[in-house]
């Protein structure tokens, strides 16, 4: 297993981590298998979505804010209950096939770290499983 850190700059943002993950796949020399990407945080998530049009990430963040507003009254006293809920909605991991030594992402797909309680330094864990 390998890991890397990502410094986030805003309370909520999507950060493309595809190149860092592909670098780990390259270093593994695995040609066929599975790549597991996991974030060990309760207020951050991992997702795959369109990376060529940044408005997609903006739209997702805006709609998540509509669904789970920061300003609602929550029982969790730290003031970041909305971040926990958003992280649960996006999930904490993704699995991507590896084919020919490359992540088998679709043409427009990228892997995003989803920050919901930043700015922070986040750790991303990557496990490569050869087939």
Protein backbone atom coordinates (compact mmCIF):
# COMPACT_ATOMS: atom_id res chain seq x y z
CA UNK A 1 0.00 0.00 0.00
CA UNK A 2 1.16 3.53 -0.83
CA UNK A 3 -0.17 6.88 0.29
CA UNK A 4 0.13 10.57 -0.47
CA UNK A 5 -1.20 13.75 1.06
CA UNK A 6 -3.31 16.49 -0.42
CA UNK A 7 -3.49 19.98 1.02
CA UNK A 8 -6.96 21.42 0.48
CA UNK A 9 -7.60 25.15 0.31
CA UNK A 10 -11.32 25.62 0.82
CA UNK A 11 -14.03 24.25 3.10
CA UNK A 12 -15.56 22.39 0.17
CA UNK A 13 -13.79 21.47 -3.05
CA UNK A 14 -13.04 18.64 -5.45
CA UNK A 15 -9.35 18.03 -6.16
CA UNK A 16 -8.29 15.86 -9.11
CA UNK A 17 -5.90 13.19 -7.82
CA UNK A 18 -5.85 11.01 -10.95
CA UNK A 19 -2.20 11.71 -11.81
CA UNK A 20 -0.96 10.87 -8.30
CA UNK A 21 -2.89 7.58 -8.37
CA UNK A 22 -1.64 6.71 -11.87
CA UNK A 23 1.94 7.39 -10.71
CA UNK A 24 1.49 4.77 -7.98
CA UNK A 25 0.11 2.31 -10.55
CA UNK A 26 3.15 3.02 -12.76
CA UNK A 27 5.55 2.39 -9.86
CA UNK A 28 3.82 -0.91 -9.05
CA UNK A 29 4.54 -2.34 -12.53
CA UNK A 30 1.14 -4.08 -12.36
CA UNK A 31 -0.28 -4.43 -15.88
CA UNK A 32 -3.65 -6.00 -15.02
CA UNK A 33 -5.52 -5.73 -11.75
CA UNK A 34 -7.49 -3.41 -9.50
CA UNK A 35 -6.58 -0.10 -7.89
CA UNK A 36 -8.32 0.73 -4.62
CA UNK A 37 -8.29 4.41 -3.62
CA UNK A 38 -9.40 5.15 -0.05
CA UNK A 39 -9.54 8.26 2.12
CA UNK A 40 -9.36 7.56 5.88
CA UNK A 41 -11.30 10.65 6.94
CA UNK A 42 -14.91 11.10 8.05
CA UNK A 43 -15.38 14.53 6.45
CA UNK A 44 -13.81 13.82 3.06
CA UNK A 45 -14.70 11.44 0.27
CA UNK A 46 -13.53 9.96 -3.02
CA UNK A 47 -15.50 9.96 -6.25
CA UNK A 48 -15.07 9.51 -9.98
CA UNK A 49 -16.68 11.99 -12.34
CA UNK A 50 -16.05 14.29 -15.28
CA UNK A 51 -12.76 16.13 -15.06
CA UNK A 52 -12.64 18.12 -18.29
CA UNK A 53 -15.44 20.54 -17.35
CA UNK A 54 -14.85 21.98 -13.86
CA UNK A 55 -18.45 23.16 -13.70
CA UNK A 56 -19.49 19.54 -13.06
CA UNK A 57 -17.66 19.51 -9.71
CA UNK A 58 -19.08 22.94 -8.91
CA UNK A 59 -22.61 21.71 -9.67
CA UNK A 60 -22.17 18.61 -7.49
CA UNK A 61 -20.90 20.70 -4.57
CA UNK A 62 -23.74 23.18 -4.97
CA UNK A 63 -26.40 20.46 -5.02
CA UNK A 64 -24.84 18.71 -2.01
CA UNK A 65 -25.02 22.06 -0.19
CA UNK A 66 -28.71 22.29 -1.12
CA UNK A 67 -29.35 18.73 0.12
CA UNK A 68 -27.28 19.05 3.30
CA UNK A 69 -26.95 22.71 4.31
CA UNK A 70 -24.20 23.68 6.73
CA UNK A 71 -26.65 25.99 8.54
CA UNK A 72 -29.16 23.37 9.74
CA UNK A 73 -29.37 22.44 13.40
CA UNK A 74 -27.49 19.17 13.94
CA UNK A 75 -26.84 17.15 17.10
CA UNK A 76 -23.10 16.84 16.34
CA UNK A 77 -21.50 19.68 18.28
CA UNK A 78 -18.31 20.20 16.26
CA UNK A 79 -20.13 22.28 13.65
CA UNK A 80 -19.28 20.00 10.75
CA UNK A 81 -22.17 17.53 10.73
CA UNK A 82 -22.97 18.50 7.15
CA UNK A 83 -19.44 17.47 6.14
CA UNK A 84 -19.91 14.02 7.71
CA UNK A 85 -23.18 13.53 5.82
CA UNK A 86 -21.70 14.68 2.48
CA UNK A 87 -18.74 12.33 2.96
CA UNK A 88 -21.17 9.47 3.58
CA UNK A 89 -23.04 10.34 0.38
CA UNK A 90 -19.90 10.40 -1.79
CA UNK A 91 -18.23 7.43 -0.10
CA UNK A 92 -14.70 6.86 1.12
CA UNK A 93 -13.31 4.68 -1.68
CA UNK A 94 -13.39 3.71 -5.34
CA UNK A 95 -12.03 0.70 -7.23
CA UNK A 96 -10.66 1.19 -10.73
CA UNK A 97 -9.59 -1.60 -13.09
CA UNK A 98 -5.99 -1.52 -14.31
CA UNK A 99 -5.54 -2.52 -17.94
CA UNK A 100 -2.22 -2.40 -19.76
CA UNK A 101 -0.68 -0.68 -16.74
CA UNK A 102 -3.14 2.23 -16.89
CA UNK A 103 -6.21 3.13 -14.88
CA UNK A 104 -9.20 2.08 -17.01
CA UNK A 105 -11.06 5.36 -16.57
CA UNK A 106 -13.51 6.58 -19.19
CA UNK A 107 -12.58 9.38 -21.57
CA UNK A 108 -13.87 12.15 -19.32
CA UNK A 109 -13.44 10.47 -15.94
CA UNK A 110 -11.05 11.63 -13.22
CA UNK A 111 -10.62 10.61 -9.57
CA UNK A 112 -11.48 13.36 -7.08
CA UNK A 113 -10.74 13.88 -3.43
CA UNK A 114 -13.90 15.52 -2.09
CA UNK A 115 -13.17 17.98 0.71
CA UNK A 116 -16.12 18.92 2.91
CA UNK A 117 -14.43 20.35 6.02
CA UNK A 118 -11.29 22.12 4.90
CA UNK A 119 -8.86 23.48 4.54
CA UNK A 120 -6.93 20.46 5.78
CA UNK A 121 -4.17 18.05 4.86
CA UNK A 122 -5.76 14.78 3.74
CA UNK A 123 -4.18 11.37 3.31
CA UNK A 124 -5.08 9.17 0.35
CA UNK A 125 -4.31 5.43 0.51
CA UNK A 126 -3.79 3.45 -2.69
CA UNK A 127 -3.71 -0.36 -2.79
CA UNK A 128 -2.82 -2.14 -6.03
CA UNK A 129 -4.07 -5.72 -6.48
CA UNK A 130 -2.55 -7.66 -9.36
CA UNK A 131 -4.68 -10.20 -11.21
